[in-house]
């Protein structure tokens, strides 16, 4: 179970890193910036966004809207229900994934930043 979870987390990290690297490089070259600086800023921004997203996902309240089938989100019934324990656990788990991934991407940005020597 732990090996499979680590494999999925590694896949998420590789996907997020590859997309960030590609997007930051293309955007940085288009603006005429140094490639290493653009990549490090891209990792900083993506990691920071994931940290903030993890905070907001984790702070979602225990109340959910009761939706009638086929009713639009904002025009339907205004009744609410309490979230099930599995929904609350899913929110906390998703928040932890976002925060961990964001923190690791910021660390990758620190390593990629060529303005400072780490050793």
PDB file of N, CA and C in Angstrom:
ATOM      1  N   UNK A   1       0.820  -1.181   0.000  1.00  0.00           N
ATOM      2  CA  UNK A   1       0.000   0.000   0.000  1.00  0.00           C
ATOM      3  C   UNK A   1       0.875   1.260   0.000  1.00  0.00           C
ATOM      4  N   UNK A   2       1.902   1.302   0.845  1.00  0.00           N
ATOM      5  CA  UNK A   2       2.766   2.481   0.921  1.00  0.00           C
ATOM      6  C   UNK A   2       3.576   2.661  -0.346  1.00  0.00           C
ATOM      7  N   UNK A   3       3.988   1.553  -0.954  1.00  0.00           N
ATOM      8  CA  UNK A   3       4.772   1.632  -2.191  1.00  0.00           C
ATOM      9  C   UNK A   3       3.916   2.207  -3.318  1.00  0.00           C
ATOM     10  N   UNK A   4       2.671   1.755  -3.400  1.00  0.00           N
ATOM     11  CA  UNK A   4       1.767   2.275  -4.425  1.00  0.00           C
ATOM     12  C   UNK A   4       1.482   3.761  -4.203  1.00  0.00           C
ATOM     13  N   UNK A   5       1.300   4.159  -2.957  1.00  0.00           N
ATOM     14  CA  UNK A   5       1.052   5.570  -2.657  1.00  0.00           C
ATOM     15  C   UNK A   5       2.268   6.422  -3.007  1.00  0.00           C
ATOM     16  N   UNK A   6       3.458   5.932  -2.695  1.00  0.00           N
ATOM     17  CA  UNK A   6       4.682   6.664  -3.033  1.00  0.00           C
ATOM     18  C   UNK A   6       4.860   6.755  -4.542  1.00  0.00           C
ATOM     19  N   UNK A   7       4.483   5.699  -5.257  1.00  0.00           N
ATOM     20  CA  UNK A   7       4.570   5.712  -6.722  1.00  0.00           C
ATOM     21  C   UNK A   7       3.621   6.759  -7.298  1.00  0.00           C
ATOM     22  N   UNK A   8       2.411   6.851  -6.781  1.00  0.00           N
ATOM     23  CA  UNK A   8       1.461   7.856  -7.266  1.00  0.00           C
ATOM     24  C   UNK A   8       1.920   9.270  -6.921  1.00  0.00           C
ATOM     25  N   UNK A   9       2.463   9.461  -5.727  1.00  0.00           N
ATOM     26  CA  UNK A   9       2.965  10.775  -5.333  1.00  0.00           C
ATOM     27  C   UNK A   9       4.158  11.179  -6.192  1.00  0.00           C
ATOM     28  N   UNK A  10       5.021  10.230  -6.502  1.00  0.00           N
ATOM     29  CA  UNK A  10       6.157  10.509  -7.378  1.00  0.00           C
ATOM     30  C   UNK A  10       5.681  10.874  -8.773  1.00  0.00           C
ATOM     31  N   UNK A  11       4.653  10.183  -9.261  1.00  0.00           N
ATOM     32  CA  UNK A  11       4.081  10.519 -10.562  1.00  0.00           C
ATOM     33  C   UNK A  11       3.512  11.925 -10.593  1.00  0.00           C
ATOM     34  N   UNK A  12       2.812  12.321  -9.516  1.00  0.00           N
ATOM     35  CA  UNK A  12       2.299  13.684  -9.422  1.00  0.00           C
ATOM     36  C   UNK A  12       3.428  14.704  -9.409  1.00  0.00           C
ATOM     37  N   UNK A  13       4.488  14.398  -8.663  1.00  0.00           N
ATOM     38  CA  UNK A  13       5.626  15.308  -8.599  1.00  0.00           C
ATOM     39  C   UNK A  13       6.295  15.446  -9.961  1.00  0.00           C
ATOM     40  N   UNK A  14       6.499  14.333 -10.668  1.00  0.00           N
ATOM     41  CA  UNK A  14       7.135  14.379 -11.987  1.00  0.00           C
ATOM     42  C   UNK A  14       6.266  15.153 -12.969  1.00  0.00           C
ATOM     43  N   UNK A  15       4.963  14.913 -12.953  1.00  0.00           N
ATOM     44  CA  UNK A  15       4.059  15.628 -13.852  1.00  0.00           C
ATOM     45  C   UNK A  15       4.051  17.126 -13.547  1.00  0.00           C
ATOM     46  N   UNK A  16       3.926  17.486 -12.277  1.00  0.00           N
ATOM     47  CA  UNK A  16       3.910  18.909 -11.903  1.00  0.00           C
ATOM     48  C   UNK A  16       5.244  19.574 -12.238  1.00  0.00           C
ATOM     49  N   UNK A  17       6.350  18.872 -12.012  1.00  0.00           N
ATOM     50  CA  UNK A  17       7.662  19.427 -12.317  1.00  0.00           C
ATOM     51  C   UNK A  17       7.853  19.612 -13.813  1.00  0.00           C
ATOM     52  N   UNK A  18       7.438  18.625 -14.596  1.00  0.00           N
ATOM     53  CA  UNK A  18       7.611  18.717 -16.048  1.00  0.00           C
ATOM     54  C   UNK A  18       6.773  19.853 -16.626  1.00  0.00           C
ATOM     55  N   UNK A  19       5.530  19.964 -16.186  1.00  0.00           N
ATOM     56  CA  UNK A  19       4.680  21.048 -16.685  1.00  0.00           C
ATOM     57  C   UNK A  19       5.204  22.417 -16.257  1.00  0.00           C
ATOM     58  N   UNK A  20       5.674  22.505 -15.028  1.00  0.00           N
ATOM     59  CA  UNK A  20       6.234  23.768 -14.544  1.00  0.00           C
ATOM     60  C   UNK A  20       7.502  24.123 -15.297  1.00  0.00           C
ATOM     61  N   UNK A  21       8.364  23.154 -15.489  1.00  0.00           N
ATOM     62  CA  UNK A  21       9.621  23.384 -16.208  1.00  0.00           C
ATOM     63  C   UNK A  21       9.355  23.848 -17.628  1.00  0.00           C
ATOM     64  N   UNK A  22       8.475  23.168 -18.318  1.00  0.00           N
ATOM     65  CA  UNK A  22       8.168  23.518 -19.701  1.00  0.00           C
ATOM     66  C   UNK A  22       7.507  24.891 -19.788  1.00  0.00           C
ATOM     67  N   UNK A  23       6.495  25.128 -18.963  1.00  0.00           N
ATOM     68  CA  UNK A  23       5.810  26.414 -19.001  1.00  0.00           C
ATOM     69  C   UNK A  23       6.707  27.581 -18.623  1.00  0.00           C
ATOM     70  N   UNK A  24       7.514  27.406 -17.590  1.00  0.00           N
ATOM     71  CA  UNK A  24       8.407  28.487 -17.152  1.00  0.00           C
ATOM     72  C   UNK A  24       9.484  28.755 -18.189  1.00  0.00           C
ATOM     73  N   UNK A  25      10.005  27.708 -18.802  1.00  0.00           N
ATOM     74  CA  UNK A  25      11.051  27.895 -19.816  1.00  0.00           C
ATOM     75  C   UNK A  25      10.496  28.635 -21.030  1.00  0.00           C
ATOM     76  N   UNK A  26       9.344  28.209 -21.516  1.00  0.00           N
ATOM     77  CA  UNK A  26       8.746  28.857 -22.687  1.00  0.00           C
ATOM     78  C   UNK A  26       8.383  30.303 -22.369  1.00  0.00           C
ATOM     79  N   UNK A  27       7.771  30.534 -21.229  1.00  0.00           N
ATOM     80  CA  UNK A  27       7.376  31.887 -20.846  1.00  0.00           C
ATOM     81  C   UNK A  27       8.608  32.768 -20.616  1.00  0.00           C
ATOM     82  N   UNK A  28       9.641  32.221 -19.984  1.00  0.00           N
ATOM     83  CA  UNK A  28      10.858  32.994 -19.734  1.00  0.00           C
ATOM     84  C   UNK A  28      11.598  33.351 -21.005  1.00  0.00           C
ATOM     85  N   UNK A  29      11.701  32.415 -21.929  1.00  0.00           N
ATOM     86  CA  UNK A  29      12.377  32.684 -23.196  1.00  0.00           C
ATOM     87  C   UNK A  29      11.579  33.694 -24.003  1.00  0.00           C
ATOM     88  N   UNK A  30      10.250  33.605 -23.959  1.00  0.00           N
ATOM     89  CA  UNK A  30       9.417  34.559 -24.691  1.00  0.00           C
ATOM     90  C   UNK A  30       9.599  35.976 -24.158  1.00  0.00           C
ATOM     91  N   UNK A  31       9.873  36.108 -22.864  1.00  0.00           N
ATOM     92  CA  UNK A  31      10.086  37.436 -22.280  1.00  0.00           C
ATOM     93  C   UNK A  31      11.550  37.870 -22.317  1.00  0.00           C
ATOM     94  N   UNK A  32      12.428  36.986 -22.762  1.00  0.00           N
ATOM     95  CA  UNK A  32      13.845  37.325 -22.865  1.00  0.00           C
ATOM     96  C   UNK A  32      14.591  37.225 -21.551  1.00  0.00           C
ATOM     97  N   UNK A  33      14.083  36.446 -20.603  1.00  0.00           N
ATOM     98  CA  UNK A  33      14.733  36.292 -19.297  1.00  0.00           C
ATOM     99  C   UNK A  33      15.741  35.147 -19.346  1.00  0.00           C
ATOM    100  N   UNK A  34      16.615  35.116 -18.352  1.00  0.00           N
ATOM    101  CA  UNK A  34      17.547  34.012 -18.208  1.00  0.00           C
ATOM    102  C   UNK A  34      16.762  32.730 -17.939  1.00  0.00           C
ATOM    103  N   UNK A  35      17.152  31.645 -18.599  1.00  0.00           N
ATOM    104  CA  UNK A  35      16.396  30.398 -18.504  1.00  0.00           C
ATOM    105  C   UNK A  35      16.390  29.851 -17.076  1.00  0.00           C
ATOM    106  N   UNK A  36      17.534  29.849 -16.394  1.00  0.00           N
ATOM    107  CA  UNK A  36      17.577  29.324 -15.025  1.00  0.00           C
ATOM    108  C   UNK A  36      16.724  30.162 -14.075  1.00  0.00           C
ATOM    109  N   UNK A  37      16.758  31.459 -14.255  1.00  0.00           N
ATOM    110  CA  UNK A  37      15.952  32.328 -13.395  1.00  0.00           C
ATOM    111  C   UNK A  37      14.461  32.121 -13.660  1.00  0.00           C
ATOM    112  N   UNK A  38      14.080  31.990 -14.926  1.00  0.00           N
ATOM    113  CA  UNK A  38      12.677  31.767 -15.270  1.00  0.00           C
ATOM    114  C   UNK A  38      12.184  30.446 -14.697  1.00  0.00           C
ATOM    115  N   UNK A  39      13.019  29.425 -14.753  1.00  0.00           N
ATOM    116  CA  UNK A  39      12.634  28.115 -14.227  1.00  0.00           C
ATOM    117  C   UNK A  39      12.480  28.170 -12.712  1.00  0.00           C
ATOM    118  N   UNK A  40      13.413  28.823 -12.027  1.00  0.00           N
ATOM    119  CA  UNK A  40      13.300  28.896 -10.568  1.00  0.00           C
ATOM    120  C   UNK A  40      12.074  29.697 -10.137  1.00  0.00           C
ATOM    121  N   UNK A  41      11.785  30.793 -10.829  1.00  0.00           N
ATOM    122  CA  UNK A  41      10.596  31.580 -10.503  1.00  0.00           C
ATOM    123  C   UNK A  41       9.336  30.774 -10.804  1.00  0.00           C
ATOM    124  N   UNK A  42       9.344  30.008 -11.872  1.00  0.00           N
ATOM    125  CA  UNK A  42       8.205  29.154 -12.199  1.00  0.00           C
ATOM    126  C   UNK A  42       7.937  28.132 -11.106  1.00  0.00           C
ATOM    127  N   UNK A  43       9.004  27.522 -10.572  1.00  0.00           N
ATOM    128  CA  UNK A  43       8.828  26.567  -9.477  1.00  0.00           C
ATOM    129  C   UNK A  43       8.355  27.265  -8.209  1.00  0.00           C
ATOM    130  N   UNK A  44       8.873  28.475  -7.947  1.00  0.00           N
ATOM    131  CA  UNK A  44       8.407  29.231  -6.783  1.00  0.00           C
ATOM    132  C   UNK A  44       6.910  29.532  -6.892  1.00  0.00           C
ATOM    133  N   UNK A  45       6.484  30.008  -8.053  1.00  0.00           N
ATOM    134  CA  UNK A  45       5.078  30.384  -8.231  1.00  0.00           C
ATOM    135  C   UNK A  45       4.152  29.168  -8.162  1.00  0.00           C
ATOM    136  N   UNK A  46       4.535  28.092  -8.818  1.00  0.00           N
ATOM    137  CA  UNK A  46       3.693  26.895  -8.797  1.00  0.00           C
ATOM    138  C   UNK A  46       3.614  26.313  -7.389  1.00  0.00           C
ATOM    139  N   UNK A  47       4.744  26.249  -6.700  1.00  0.00           N
ATOM    140  CA  UNK A  47       4.748  25.736  -5.332  1.00  0.00           C
ATOM    141  C   UNK A  47       3.926  26.605  -4.400  1.00  0.00           C
ATOM    142  N   UNK A  48       4.037  27.914  -4.551  1.00  0.00           N
ATOM    143  CA  UNK A  48       3.260  28.824  -3.708  1.00  0.00           C
ATOM    144  C   UNK A  48       1.767  28.687  -3.975  1.00  0.00           C
ATOM    145  N   UNK A  49       1.410  28.544  -5.246  1.00  0.00           N
ATOM    146  CA  UNK A  49      -0.001  28.351  -5.580  1.00  0.00           C
ATOM    147  C   UNK A  49      -0.535  27.071  -4.956  1.00  0.00           C
ATOM    148  N   UNK A  50       0.228  25.997  -5.011  1.00  0.00           N
ATOM    149  CA  UNK A  50      -0.227  24.733  -4.433  1.00  0.00           C
ATOM    150  C   UNK A  50      -0.326  24.818  -2.909  1.00  0.00           C
ATOM    151  N   UNK A  51       0.579  25.556  -2.268  1.00  0.00           N
ATOM    152  CA  UNK A  51       0.480  25.743  -0.817  1.00  0.00           C
ATOM    153  C   UNK A  51      -0.801  26.485  -0.443  1.00  0.00           C
ATOM    154  N   UNK A  52      -1.109  27.538  -1.167  1.00  0.00           N
ATOM    155  CA  UNK A  52      -2.322  28.311  -0.884  1.00  0.00           C
ATOM    156  C   UNK A  52      -3.559  27.468  -1.186  1.00  0.00           C
ATOM    157  N   UNK A  53      -3.531  26.724  -2.295  1.00  0.00           N
ATOM    158  CA  UNK A  53      -4.666  25.854  -2.634  1.00  0.00           C
ATOM    159  C   UNK A  53      -4.865  24.789  -1.558  1.00  0.00           C
ATOM    160  N   UNK A  54      -3.783  24.230  -1.044  1.00  0.00           N
ATOM    161  CA  UNK A  54      -3.888  23.249   0.027  1.00  0.00           C
ATOM    162  C   UNK A  54      -4.482  23.840   1.291  1.00  0.00           C
ATOM    163  N   UNK A  55      -4.142  25.083   1.580  1.00  0.00           N
ATOM    164  CA  UNK A  55      -4.715  25.750   2.747  1.00  0.00           C
ATOM    165  C   UNK A  55      -6.221  25.898   2.599  1.00  0.00           C
ATOM    166  N   UNK A  56      -6.664  26.363   1.431  1.00  0.00           N
ATOM    167  CA  UNK A  56      -8.092  26.590   1.244  1.00  0.00           C
ATOM    168  C   UNK A  56      -8.881  25.289   1.141  1.00  0.00           C
ATOM    169  N   UNK A  57      -8.315  24.274   0.539  1.00  0.00           N
ATOM    170  CA  UNK A  57      -9.005  22.984   0.467  1.00  0.00           C
ATOM    171  C   UNK A  57      -9.142  22.387   1.866  1.00  0.00           C
ATOM    172  N   UNK A  58      -8.105  22.521   2.673  1.00  0.00           N
ATOM    173  CA  UNK A  58      -8.148  21.976   4.021  1.00  0.00           C
ATOM    174  C   UNK A  58      -9.073  22.717   4.960  1.00  0.00           C
ATOM    175  N   UNK A  59      -9.381  23.969   4.655  1.00  0.00           N
ATOM    176  CA  UNK A  59     -10.237  24.773   5.523  1.00  0.00           C
ATOM    177  C   UNK A  59     -11.685  24.828   5.068  1.00  0.00           C
ATOM    178  N   UNK A  60     -12.057  23.949   4.181  1.00  0.00           N
ATOM    179  CA  UNK A  60     -13.458  23.900   3.752  1.00  0.00           C
ATOM    180  C   UNK A  60     -14.305  23.426   4.926  1.00  0.00           C
ATOM    181  N   UNK A  61     -15.414  24.067   5.120  1.00  0.00           N
ATOM    182  CA  UNK A  61     -16.268  23.760   6.257  1.00  0.00           C
ATOM    183  C   UNK A  61     -16.959  22.413   6.150  1.00  0.00           C
ATOM    184  N   UNK A  62     -17.626  21.993   7.230  1.00  0.00           N
ATOM    185  CA  UNK A  62     -18.271  20.681   7.249  1.00  0.00           C
ATOM    186  C   UNK A  62     -19.666  20.672   6.613  1.00  0.00           C
ATOM    187  N   UNK A  63     -20.121  21.792   6.073  1.00  0.00           N
ATOM    188  CA  UNK A  63     -21.467  21.882   5.518  1.00  0.00           C
ATOM    189  C   UNK A  63     -21.387  21.839   3.987  1.00  0.00           C
ATOM    190  N   UNK A  64     -22.269  21.045   3.369  1.00  0.00           N
ATOM    191  CA  UNK A  64     -22.344  20.924   1.915  1.00  0.00           C
ATOM    192  C   UNK A  64     -23.769  21.241   1.471  1.00  0.00           C
ATOM    193  N   UNK A  65     -23.886  21.708   0.229  1.00  0.00           N
ATOM    194  CA  UNK A  65     -25.220  21.943  -0.330  1.00  0.00           C
ATOM    195  C   UNK A  65     -25.874  20.616  -0.668  1.00  0.00           C
ATOM    196  N   UNK A  66     -27.181  20.537  -0.425  1.00  0.00           N
ATOM    197  CA  UNK A  66     -27.983  19.415  -0.909  1.00  0.00           C
ATOM    198  C   UNK A  66     -28.451  19.797  -2.295  1.00  0.00           C
ATOM    199  N   UNK A  67     -28.053  19.035  -3.272  1.00  0.00           N
ATOM    200  CA  UNK A  67     -28.456  19.343  -4.643  1.00  0.00           C
ATOM    201  C   UNK A  67     -29.478  18.329  -5.109  1.00  0.00           C
ATOM    202  N   UNK A  68     -30.512  18.844  -5.723  1.00  0.00           N
ATOM    203  CA  UNK A  68     -31.473  17.963  -6.358  1.00  0.00           C
ATOM    204  C   UNK A  68     -30.916  17.558  -7.705  1.00  0.00           C
ATOM    205  N   UNK A  69     -31.261  16.374  -8.151  1.00  0.00           N
ATOM    206  CA  UNK A  69     -30.731  15.901  -9.427  1.00  0.00           C
ATOM    207  C   UNK A  69     -31.226  16.798 -10.550  1.00  0.00           C
ATOM    208  N   UNK A  70     -30.292  17.248 -11.374  1.00  0.00           N
ATOM    209  CA  UNK A  70     -30.622  18.089 -12.513  1.00  0.00           C
ATOM    210  C   UNK A  70     -30.743  19.565 -12.190  1.00  0.00           C
ATOM    211  N   UNK A  71     -30.688  19.950 -10.935  1.00  0.00           N
ATOM    212  CA  UNK A  71     -30.820  21.365 -10.571  1.00  0.00           C
ATOM    213  C   UNK A  71     -29.468  22.043 -10.734  1.00  0.00           C
ATOM    214  N   UNK A  72     -29.458  23.262 -11.269  1.00  0.00           N
ATOM    215  CA  UNK A  72     -28.189  23.998 -11.374  1.00  0.00           C
ATOM    216  C   UNK A  72     -27.608  24.279  -9.987  1.00  0.00           C
ATOM    217  N   UNK A  73     -26.314  24.556  -9.956  1.00  0.00           N
ATOM    218  CA  UNK A  73     -25.626  24.721  -8.675  1.00  0.00           C
ATOM    219  C   UNK A  73     -26.193  25.866  -7.851  1.00  0.00           C
ATOM    220  N   UNK A  74     -26.409  27.026  -8.441  1.00  0.00           N
ATOM    221  CA  UNK A  74     -26.822  28.186  -7.663  1.00  0.00           C
ATOM    222  C   UNK A  74     -28.328  28.443  -7.700  1.00  0.00           C
ATOM    223  N   UNK A  75     -29.078  27.733  -8.523  1.00  0.00           N
ATOM    224  CA  UNK A  75     -30.513  27.961  -8.615  1.00  0.00           C
ATOM    225  C   UNK A  75     -31.327  26.838  -7.983  1.00  0.00           C
ATOM    226  N   UNK A  76     -30.645  25.862  -7.448  1.00  0.00           N
ATOM    227  CA  UNK A  76     -31.336  24.722  -6.861  1.00  0.00           C
ATOM    228  C   UNK A  76     -31.765  24.992  -5.436  1.00  0.00           C
ATOM    229  N   UNK A  77     -31.980  23.944  -4.716  1.00  0.00           N
ATOM    230  CA  UNK A  77     -32.417  24.025  -3.337  1.00  0.00           C
ATOM    231  C   UNK A  77     -31.324  24.632  -2.472  1.00  0.00           C
ATOM    232  N   UNK A  78     -31.715  25.389  -1.468  1.00  0.00           N
ATOM    233  CA  UNK A  78     -30.759  26.031  -0.569  1.00  0.00           C
ATOM    234  C   UNK A  78     -30.566  25.253   0.724  1.00  0.00           C
ATOM    235  N   UNK A  79     -31.022  24.020   0.773  1.00  0.00           N
ATOM    236  CA  UNK A  79     -30.848  23.218   1.962  1.00  0.00           C
ATOM    237  C   UNK A  79     -29.420  22.698   2.031  1.00  0.00           C
ATOM    238  N   UNK A  80     -28.923  22.530   3.245  1.00  0.00           N
ATOM    239  CA  UNK A  80     -27.560  22.065   3.428  1.00  0.00           C
ATOM    240  C   UNK A  80     -27.565  20.755   4.205  1.00  0.00           C
ATOM    241  N   UNK A  81     -26.446  20.078   4.149  1.00  0.00           N
ATOM    242  CA  UNK A  81     -26.269  18.828   4.870  1.00  0.00           C
ATOM    243  C   UNK A  81     -24.863  18.825   5.453  1.00  0.00           C
ATOM    244  N   UNK A  82     -24.641  17.970   6.432  1.00  0.00           N
ATOM    245  CA  UNK A  82     -23.311  17.814   6.994  1.00  0.00           C
ATOM    246  C   UNK A  82     -22.504  16.875   6.109  1.00  0.00           C
ATOM    247  N   UNK A  83     -21.239  17.172   5.939  1.00  0.00           N
ATOM    248  CA  UNK A  83     -20.363  16.316   5.139  1.00  0.00           C
ATOM    249  C   UNK A  83     -20.146  14.996   5.866  1.00  0.00           C
ATOM    250  N   UNK A  84     -20.032  13.951   5.098  1.00  0.00           N
ATOM    251  CA  UNK A  84     -19.787  12.641   5.694  1.00  0.00           C
ATOM    252  C   UNK A  84     -18.331  12.567   6.165  1.00  0.00           C
ATOM    253  N   UNK A  85     -18.016  11.655   7.047  1.00  0.00           N
ATOM    254  CA  UNK A  85     -16.630  11.514   7.493  1.00  0.00           C
ATOM    255  C   UNK A  85     -15.663  11.222   6.346  1.00  0.00           C
ATOM    256  N   UNK A  86     -16.116  10.485   5.354  1.00  0.00           N
ATOM    257  CA  UNK A  86     -15.229  10.199   4.216  1.00  0.00           C
ATOM    258  C   UNK A  86     -14.964  11.463   3.396  1.00  0.00           C
ATOM    259  N   UNK A  87     -15.945  12.353   3.272  1.00  0.00           N
ATOM    260  CA  UNK A  87     -15.730  13.615   2.559  1.00  0.00           C
ATOM    261  C   UNK A  87     -14.746  14.513   3.315  1.00  0.00           C
ATOM    262  N   UNK A  88     -14.886  14.552   4.623  1.00  0.00           N
ATOM    263  CA  UNK A  88     -13.951  15.364   5.417  1.00  0.00           C
ATOM    264  C   UNK A  88     -12.542  14.796   5.352  1.00  0.00           C
ATOM    265  N   UNK A  89     -12.426  13.471   5.405  1.00  0.00           N
ATOM    266  CA  UNK A  89     -11.107  12.841   5.305  1.00  0.00           C
ATOM    267  C   UNK A  89     -10.485  13.089   3.933  1.00  0.00           C
ATOM    268  N   UNK A  90     -11.304  13.052   2.885  1.00  0.00           N
ATOM    269  CA  UNK A  90     -10.799  13.316   1.538  1.00  0.00           C
ATOM    270  C   UNK A  90     -10.274  14.746   1.419  1.00  0.00           C
ATOM    271  N   UNK A  91     -10.972  15.715   2.043  1.00  0.00           N
ATOM    272  CA  UNK A  91     -10.505  17.108   2.019  1.00  0.00           C
ATOM    273  C   UNK A  91      -9.156  17.247   2.710  1.00  0.00           C
ATOM    274  N   UNK A  92      -8.992  16.611   3.850  1.00  0.00           N
ATOM    275  CA  UNK A  92      -7.723  16.700   4.580  1.00  0.00           C
ATOM    276  C   UNK A  92      -6.600  16.029   3.784  1.00  0.00           C
ATOM    277  N   UNK A  93      -6.886  14.880   3.179  1.00  0.00           N
ATOM    278  CA  UNK A  93      -5.868  14.187   2.391  1.00  0.00           C
ATOM    279  C   UNK A  93      -5.458  14.996   1.166  1.00  0.00           C
ATOM    280  N   UNK A  94      -6.434  15.588   0.477  1.00  0.00           N
ATOM    281  CA  UNK A  94      -6.126  16.403  -0.690  1.00  0.00           C
ATOM    282  C   UNK A  94      -5.316  17.627  -0.286  1.00  0.00           C
ATOM    283  N   UNK A  95      -5.660  18.213   0.847  1.00  0.00           N
ATOM    284  CA  UNK A  95      -4.904  19.357   1.353  1.00  0.00           C
ATOM    285  C   UNK A  95      -3.454  18.972   1.641  1.00  0.00           C
ATOM    286  N   UNK A  96      -3.261  17.814   2.250  1.00  0.00           N
ATOM    287  CA  UNK A  96      -1.903  17.363   2.558  1.00  0.00           C
ATOM    288  C   UNK A  96      -1.093  17.135   1.293  1.00  0.00           C
ATOM    289  N   UNK A  97      -1.721  16.594   0.256  1.00  0.00           N
ATOM    290  CA  UNK A  97      -1.014  16.375  -1.009  1.00  0.00           C
ATOM    291  C   UNK A  97      -0.618  17.701  -1.625  1.00  0.00           C
ATOM    292  N   UNK A  98      -1.541  18.670  -1.653  1.00  0.00           N
ATOM    293  CA  UNK A  98      -1.219  19.984  -2.220  1.00  0.00           C
ATOM    294  C   UNK A  98      -0.085  20.660  -1.463  1.00  0.00           C
ATOM    295  N   UNK A  99      -0.143  20.621  -0.139  1.00  0.00           N
ATOM    296  CA  UNK A  99       0.885  21.287   0.666  1.00  0.00           C
ATOM    297  C   UNK A  99       2.244  20.609   0.475  1.00  0.00           C
ATOM    298  N   UNK A 100       2.270  19.294   0.502  1.00  0.00           N
ATOM    299  CA  UNK A 100       3.531  18.577   0.312  1.00  0.00           C
ATOM    300  C   UNK A 100       4.110  18.837  -1.069  1.00  0.00           C
ATOM    301  N   UNK A 101       3.290  18.755  -2.106  1.00  0.00           N
ATOM    302  CA  UNK A 101       3.755  18.990  -3.459  1.00  0.00           C
ATOM    303  C   UNK A 101       4.233  20.426  -3.629  1.00  0.00           C
ATOM    304  N   UNK A 102       3.512  21.382  -3.060  1.00  0.00           N
ATOM    305  CA  UNK A 102       3.927  22.776  -3.141  1.00  0.00           C
ATOM    306  C   UNK A 102       5.249  23.025  -2.445  1.00  0.00           C
ATOM    307  N   UNK A 103       5.428  22.433  -1.263  1.00  0.00           N
ATOM    308  CA  UNK A 103       6.677  22.604  -0.533  1.00  0.00           C
ATOM    309  C   UNK A 103       7.857  22.011  -1.303  1.00  0.00           C
ATOM    310  N   UNK A 104       7.659  20.838  -1.887  1.00  0.00           N
ATOM    311  CA  UNK A 104       8.741  20.204  -2.650  1.00  0.00           C
ATOM    312  C   UNK A 104       9.063  21.012  -3.905  1.00  0.00           C
ATOM    313  N   UNK A 105       8.063  21.557  -4.570  1.00  0.00           N
ATOM    314  CA  UNK A 105       8.331  22.371  -5.755  1.00  0.00           C
ATOM    315  C   UNK A 105       9.077  23.658  -5.395  1.00  0.00           C
ATOM    316  N   UNK A 106       8.782  24.241  -4.247  1.00  0.00           N
ATOM    317  CA  UNK A 106       9.547  25.418  -3.811  1.00  0.00           C
ATOM    318  C   UNK A 106      10.995  25.027  -3.542  1.00  0.00           C
ATOM    319  N   UNK A 107      11.221  23.864  -2.935  1.00  0.00           N
ATOM    320  CA  UNK A 107      12.601  23.398  -2.727  1.00  0.00           C
ATOM    321  C   UNK A 107      13.325  23.175  -4.041  1.00  0.00           C
ATOM    322  N   UNK A 108      12.625  22.656  -5.045  1.00  0.00           N
ATOM    323  CA  UNK A 108      13.240  22.488  -6.366  1.00  0.00           C
ATOM    324  C   UNK A 108      13.587  23.856  -6.950  1.00  0.00           C
ATOM    325  N   UNK A 109      12.740  24.840  -6.732  1.00  0.00           N
ATOM    326  CA  UNK A 109      13.033  26.193  -7.181  1.00  0.00           C
ATOM    327  C   UNK A 109      14.257  26.774  -6.501  1.00  0.00           C
ATOM    328  N   UNK A 110      14.438  26.483  -5.217  1.00  0.00           N
ATOM    329  CA  UNK A 110      15.630  26.950  -4.501  1.00  0.00           C
ATOM    330  C   UNK A 110      16.885  26.302  -5.089  1.00  0.00           C
ATOM    331  N   UNK A 111      16.802  25.020  -5.387  1.00  0.00           N
ATOM    332  CA  UNK A 111      17.949  24.320  -5.970  1.00  0.00           C
ATOM    333  C   UNK A 111      18.236  24.840  -7.374  1.00  0.00           C
ATOM    334  N   UNK A 112      17.198  25.158  -8.145  1.00  0.00           N
ATOM    335  CA  UNK A 112      17.382  25.620  -9.524  1.00  0.00           C
ATOM    336  C   UNK A 112      17.834  27.070  -9.599  1.00  0.00           C
ATOM    337  N   UNK A 113      17.675  27.827  -8.537  1.00  0.00           N
ATOM    338  CA  UNK A 113      18.054  29.240  -8.542  1.00  0.00           C
ATOM    339  C   UNK A 113      19.565  29.358  -8.570  1.00  0.00           C
ATOM    340  N   UNK A 114      20.090  29.980  -9.633  1.00  0.00           N
ATOM    341  CA  UNK A 114      21.547  30.057  -9.785  1.00  0.00           C
ATOM    342  C   UNK A 114      22.138  31.335  -9.191  1.00  0.00           C
ATOM    343  N   UNK A 115      21.346  32.117  -8.502  1.00  0.00           N
ATOM    344  CA  UNK A 115      21.896  33.339  -7.888  1.00  0.00           C
ATOM    345  C   UNK A 115      22.688  33.031  -6.625  1.00  0.00           C
ATOM    346  N   UNK A 116      22.376  31.902  -5.998  1.00  0.00           N
ATOM    347  CA  UNK A 116      23.025  31.548  -4.737  1.00  0.00           C
ATOM    348  C   UNK A 116      23.647  30.156  -4.851  1.00  0.00           C
ATOM    349  N   UNK A 117      24.797  29.991  -4.196  1.00  0.00           N
ATOM    350  CA  UNK A 117      25.426  28.674  -4.140  1.00  0.00           C
ATOM    351  C   UNK A 117      24.944  27.964  -2.886  1.00  0.00           C
ATOM    352  N   UNK A 118      24.500  26.716  -3.051  1.00  0.00           N
ATOM    353  CA  UNK A 118      24.026  25.952  -1.904  1.00  0.00           C
ATOM    354  C   UNK A 118      25.163  25.278  -1.149  1.00  0.00           C
ATOM    355  N   UNK A 119      26.279  25.083  -1.795  1.00  0.00           N
ATOM    356  CA  UNK A 119      27.398  24.388  -1.147  1.00  0.00           C
ATOM    357  C   UNK A 119      28.551  25.331  -0.986  1.00  0.00           C
TER     358      UNK A 119
END
